[in-house]
Every structure is written in structure tokens, then in C-alpha cells.
Amino acid sequence: MKSLSIKSATLAGIAASVVFGFAGLALTPTPANAIVYCTYVGYPGGCVARAGVVLRPRPVARAAVRHNAGGNMNGGVNRVGARR
């Protein structure tokens, strides 16, 4: 009786190893070999320029600061009464 359970455990272990081995082969990542086209000069890095497309330098990012937008003169604090 004891030898039967050892044999079945051994066969189950071998079967599990085979299944995990095939899963490892099937789920191995491969390189995508994708082409990334440039949107601006040299951006993104390692990009390829399309034929006939004029590339321009990237626009410079500017902070969006608006002074007194909407008339909020009191800094967002709602007070009752006269203000000094």
C-alpha cells in the first residue's frame, strides 16, 4: 500500500514538472522588434524618422500661471464683514 502512494506521488511530481516546463517555454517573452517613429527631432530616443515628414524641435514646456484669474482677491477665504 505504501509503495503505491510513493509511485503515484512520483508520477504526479513528474507530470507537474512537465506541465511547468511547457508553460515556461510557452510564456517566455520575446523582443517586440517594434519601430518607434519620431514625433520631434530626436524624441523619443532611438526613433526612426518617416520619409517625407518634416520634424521640428520639441516645444518648450511653460508653467501655466495666471494672476488673479476669476477675481479671487482674498486668497480663497470667505469672511463675513469688511476687509482691511
N, C-alpha and C. Protein backbone atom coordinates (compact mmCIF):
# COMPACT_ATOMS: atom_id res chain seq x y z
N MET A 1 0.82 -1.20 0.00
CA MET A 1 0.00 0.00 0.00
C MET A 1 0.86 1.26 0.00
N LYS A 2 1.95 1.21 0.78
CA LYS A 2 2.81 2.36 0.88
C LYS A 2 3.56 2.61 -0.43
N SER A 3 3.94 1.56 -1.14
CA SER A 3 4.66 1.72 -2.40
C SER A 3 3.76 2.31 -3.48
N LEU A 4 2.46 2.04 -3.40
CA LEU A 4 1.53 2.60 -4.36
C LEU A 4 1.43 4.12 -4.21
N SER A 5 1.40 4.63 -2.99
CA SER A 5 1.31 6.07 -2.78
C SER A 5 2.61 6.77 -3.17
N ILE A 6 3.76 6.10 -2.99
CA ILE A 6 5.03 6.69 -3.40
C ILE A 6 5.10 6.78 -4.92
N LYS A 7 4.63 5.73 -5.61
CA LYS A 7 4.63 5.74 -7.08
C LYS A 7 3.70 6.82 -7.61
N SER A 8 2.53 6.95 -7.01
CA SER A 8 1.59 7.96 -7.51
C SER A 8 2.12 9.37 -7.24
N ALA A 9 2.79 9.57 -6.11
CA ALA A 9 3.36 10.88 -5.82
C ALA A 9 4.50 11.19 -6.79
N THR A 10 5.28 10.18 -7.14
CA THR A 10 6.37 10.37 -8.08
C THR A 10 5.83 10.71 -9.46
N LEU A 11 4.81 9.99 -9.90
CA LEU A 11 4.21 10.28 -11.20
C LEU A 11 3.57 11.67 -11.22
N ALA A 12 2.95 12.05 -10.12
CA ALA A 12 2.33 13.38 -10.05
C ALA A 12 3.41 14.46 -10.10
N GLY A 13 4.54 14.24 -9.46
CA GLY A 13 5.63 15.20 -9.49
C GLY A 13 6.23 15.33 -10.88
N ILE A 14 6.40 14.20 -11.56
CA ILE A 14 6.92 14.23 -12.92
C ILE A 14 5.94 14.95 -13.86
N ALA A 15 4.66 14.67 -13.72
CA ALA A 15 3.65 15.32 -14.56
C ALA A 15 3.62 16.83 -14.31
N ALA A 16 3.74 17.22 -13.04
CA ALA A 16 3.75 18.65 -12.73
C ALA A 16 4.99 19.32 -13.31
N SER A 17 6.13 18.63 -13.26
CA SER A 17 7.36 19.19 -13.84
C SER A 17 7.23 19.39 -15.34
N VAL A 18 6.62 18.43 -16.02
CA VAL A 18 6.43 18.53 -17.47
C VAL A 18 5.50 19.69 -17.80
N VAL A 19 4.42 19.83 -17.05
CA VAL A 19 3.46 20.92 -17.29
C VAL A 19 4.13 22.27 -17.06
N PHE A 20 4.87 22.42 -15.96
CA PHE A 20 5.54 23.69 -15.69
C PHE A 20 6.65 23.97 -16.71
N GLY A 21 7.30 22.93 -17.20
CA GLY A 21 8.31 23.12 -18.23
C GLY A 21 7.71 23.65 -19.52
N PHE A 22 6.60 23.07 -19.96
CA PHE A 22 5.94 23.56 -21.17
C PHE A 22 5.39 24.97 -20.97
N ALA A 23 4.88 25.27 -19.79
CA ALA A 23 4.38 26.61 -19.51
C ALA A 23 5.52 27.62 -19.55
N GLY A 24 6.68 27.24 -19.03
CA GLY A 24 7.83 28.13 -19.06
C GLY A 24 8.29 28.42 -20.48
N LEU A 25 8.24 27.43 -21.35
CA LEU A 25 8.63 27.63 -22.74
C LEU A 25 7.60 28.48 -23.49
N ALA A 26 6.33 28.26 -23.20
CA ALA A 26 5.27 28.98 -23.91
C ALA A 26 5.17 30.43 -23.47
N LEU A 27 5.51 30.74 -22.23
CA LEU A 27 5.32 32.08 -21.69
C LEU A 27 6.61 32.90 -21.66
N THR A 28 7.64 32.44 -22.34
CA THR A 28 8.90 33.18 -22.38
C THR A 28 8.73 34.43 -23.25
N PRO A 29 9.04 35.62 -22.73
CA PRO A 29 8.88 36.84 -23.53
C PRO A 29 9.91 36.91 -24.66
N THR A 30 9.49 37.45 -25.77
CA THR A 30 10.38 37.64 -26.92
C THR A 30 10.42 39.12 -27.26
N PRO A 31 11.49 39.61 -27.86
CA PRO A 31 11.54 41.02 -28.22
C PRO A 31 10.46 41.38 -29.25
N ALA A 32 9.92 42.59 -29.13
CA ALA A 32 8.82 43.00 -29.98
C ALA A 32 9.27 43.44 -31.37
N ASN A 33 10.49 43.94 -31.51
CA ASN A 33 11.01 44.45 -32.77
C ASN A 33 10.10 45.53 -33.36
N ALA A 34 9.59 46.41 -32.51
CA ALA A 34 8.68 47.47 -32.96
C ALA A 34 9.49 48.67 -33.43
N ILE A 35 8.93 49.41 -34.36
CA ILE A 35 9.55 50.64 -34.85
C ILE A 35 8.85 51.82 -34.17
N VAL A 36 9.65 52.70 -33.57
CA VAL A 36 9.12 53.90 -32.93
C VAL A 36 9.47 55.07 -33.83
N TYR A 37 8.46 55.77 -34.30
CA TYR A 37 8.68 56.91 -35.19
C TYR A 37 8.85 58.19 -34.38
N CYS A 38 9.70 59.08 -34.88
CA CYS A 38 9.97 60.36 -34.21
C CYS A 38 8.76 61.28 -34.33
N THR A 39 8.45 61.94 -33.22
CA THR A 39 7.41 62.97 -33.26
C THR A 39 8.04 64.35 -33.34
N TYR A 40 9.22 64.50 -32.76
CA TYR A 40 10.01 65.72 -32.84
C TYR A 40 11.46 65.31 -33.12
N VAL A 41 12.33 66.25 -33.31
CA VAL A 41 13.74 65.96 -33.60
C VAL A 41 14.34 65.23 -32.40
N GLY A 42 14.76 63.99 -32.62
CA GLY A 42 15.41 63.20 -31.58
C GLY A 42 14.52 62.76 -30.44
N TYR A 43 13.21 62.85 -30.56
CA TYR A 43 12.31 62.45 -29.48
C TYR A 43 11.26 61.51 -30.03
N PRO A 44 11.03 60.37 -29.43
CA PRO A 44 11.75 59.76 -28.32
C PRO A 44 13.10 59.22 -28.76
N GLY A 45 13.94 58.87 -27.81
CA GLY A 45 15.29 58.42 -28.10
C GLY A 45 15.29 57.16 -28.94
N GLY A 46 16.16 57.10 -29.93
CA GLY A 46 16.27 55.92 -30.79
C GLY A 46 15.14 55.79 -31.79
N CYS A 47 14.47 56.88 -32.10
CA CYS A 47 13.33 56.83 -33.02
C CYS A 47 13.79 56.86 -34.47
N VAL A 48 12.87 56.51 -35.36
CA VAL A 48 13.14 56.49 -36.80
C VAL A 48 12.25 57.55 -37.46
N ALA A 49 12.85 58.38 -38.29
CA ALA A 49 12.08 59.43 -38.97
C ALA A 49 11.37 58.84 -40.18
N ARG A 50 10.10 59.17 -40.34
CA ARG A 50 9.34 58.72 -41.51
C ARG A 50 9.76 59.54 -42.72
N ALA A 51 9.65 58.92 -43.87
CA ALA A 51 10.01 59.60 -45.11
C ALA A 51 8.98 60.68 -45.41
N GLY A 52 9.45 61.87 -45.75
CA GLY A 52 8.56 62.95 -46.16
C GLY A 52 7.97 63.75 -45.03
N VAL A 53 8.30 63.44 -43.77
CA VAL A 53 7.75 64.17 -42.64
C VAL A 53 8.78 65.18 -42.17
N VAL A 54 8.36 66.42 -41.99
CA VAL A 54 9.25 67.47 -41.51
C VAL A 54 9.22 67.46 -39.99
N LEU A 55 10.37 67.22 -39.37
CA LEU A 55 10.45 67.19 -37.91
C LEU A 55 10.88 68.55 -37.40
N ARG A 56 10.23 68.97 -36.32
CA ARG A 56 10.52 70.25 -35.69
C ARG A 56 11.02 70.01 -34.27
N PRO A 57 11.71 70.99 -33.67
CA PRO A 57 12.13 70.83 -32.28
C PRO A 57 10.92 70.74 -31.35
N ARG A 58 11.10 70.07 -30.24
CA ARG A 58 10.02 69.95 -29.26
C ARG A 58 9.67 71.30 -28.68
N PRO A 59 8.39 71.55 -28.43
CA PRO A 59 8.02 72.81 -27.79
C PRO A 59 8.50 72.84 -26.34
N VAL A 60 8.81 74.02 -25.87
CA VAL A 60 9.30 74.18 -24.51
C VAL A 60 8.11 74.23 -23.57
N ALA A 61 8.17 73.45 -22.51
CA ALA A 61 7.07 73.43 -21.54
C ALA A 61 7.13 74.68 -20.69
N ARG A 62 6.00 75.36 -20.55
CA ARG A 62 5.92 76.56 -19.73
C ARG A 62 4.93 76.33 -18.60
N ALA A 63 5.21 76.95 -17.47
CA ALA A 63 4.29 76.85 -16.34
C ALA A 63 3.05 77.69 -16.62
N ALA A 64 1.91 77.14 -16.33
CA ALA A 64 0.66 77.86 -16.55
C ALA A 64 0.31 78.65 -15.30
N VAL A 65 0.76 79.90 -15.24
CA VAL A 65 0.49 80.76 -14.09
C VAL A 65 -0.38 81.90 -14.56
N ARG A 66 -1.54 82.04 -13.91
CA ARG A 66 -2.43 83.13 -14.25
C ARG A 66 -2.63 83.97 -12.99
N HIS A 67 -2.35 85.24 -13.08
CA HIS A 67 -2.51 86.12 -11.93
C HIS A 67 -3.95 86.61 -11.84
N ASN A 68 -4.54 86.47 -10.67
CA ASN A 68 -5.88 86.97 -10.38
C ASN A 68 -6.92 86.42 -11.35
N ALA A 69 -6.88 85.13 -11.60
CA ALA A 69 -7.83 84.53 -12.52
C ALA A 69 -9.18 84.40 -11.82
N GLY A 70 -10.17 85.02 -12.34
CA GLY A 70 -11.51 84.92 -11.78
C GLY A 70 -11.79 85.89 -10.64
N GLY A 71 -10.88 86.78 -10.32
CA GLY A 71 -11.13 87.79 -9.31
C GLY A 71 -11.04 87.29 -7.89
N ASN A 72 -10.27 86.26 -7.61
CA ASN A 72 -10.15 85.74 -6.26
C ASN A 72 -9.09 86.56 -5.52
N MET A 73 -9.51 87.70 -4.97
CA MET A 73 -8.56 88.62 -4.34
C MET A 73 -8.26 88.26 -2.89
N ASN A 74 -9.14 87.50 -2.23
CA ASN A 74 -8.93 87.23 -0.81
C ASN A 74 -8.24 85.90 -0.55
N GLY A 75 -7.71 85.26 -1.54
CA GLY A 75 -6.97 84.02 -1.32
C GLY A 75 -7.84 82.82 -1.04
N GLY A 76 -9.11 82.87 -1.35
CA GLY A 76 -9.98 81.73 -1.17
C GLY A 76 -10.63 81.63 0.19
N VAL A 77 -10.42 82.62 1.05
CA VAL A 77 -11.01 82.59 2.39
C VAL A 77 -12.28 83.42 2.36
N ASN A 78 -13.38 82.81 2.74
CA ASN A 78 -14.66 83.52 2.78
C ASN A 78 -14.88 84.06 4.18
N ARG A 79 -14.87 85.39 4.31
CA ARG A 79 -15.06 86.02 5.62
C ARG A 79 -16.31 86.89 5.58
N VAL A 80 -16.90 87.02 6.72
CA VAL A 80 -18.03 87.91 6.87
C VAL A 80 -17.53 89.26 7.32
N GLY A 81 -18.06 90.32 6.74
CA GLY A 81 -17.72 91.66 7.19
C GLY A 81 -16.72 92.33 6.30
N ALA A 82 -16.32 93.55 6.76
CA ALA A 82 -15.39 94.36 5.97
C ALA A 82 -13.99 93.78 6.03
N ARG A 83 -13.29 93.99 4.96
CA ARG A 83 -11.92 93.50 4.88
C ARG A 83 -10.98 94.68 4.96
N ARG A 84 -9.89 94.51 5.61
CA ARG A 84 -8.94 95.62 5.73
C ARG A 84 -7.89 95.55 4.67
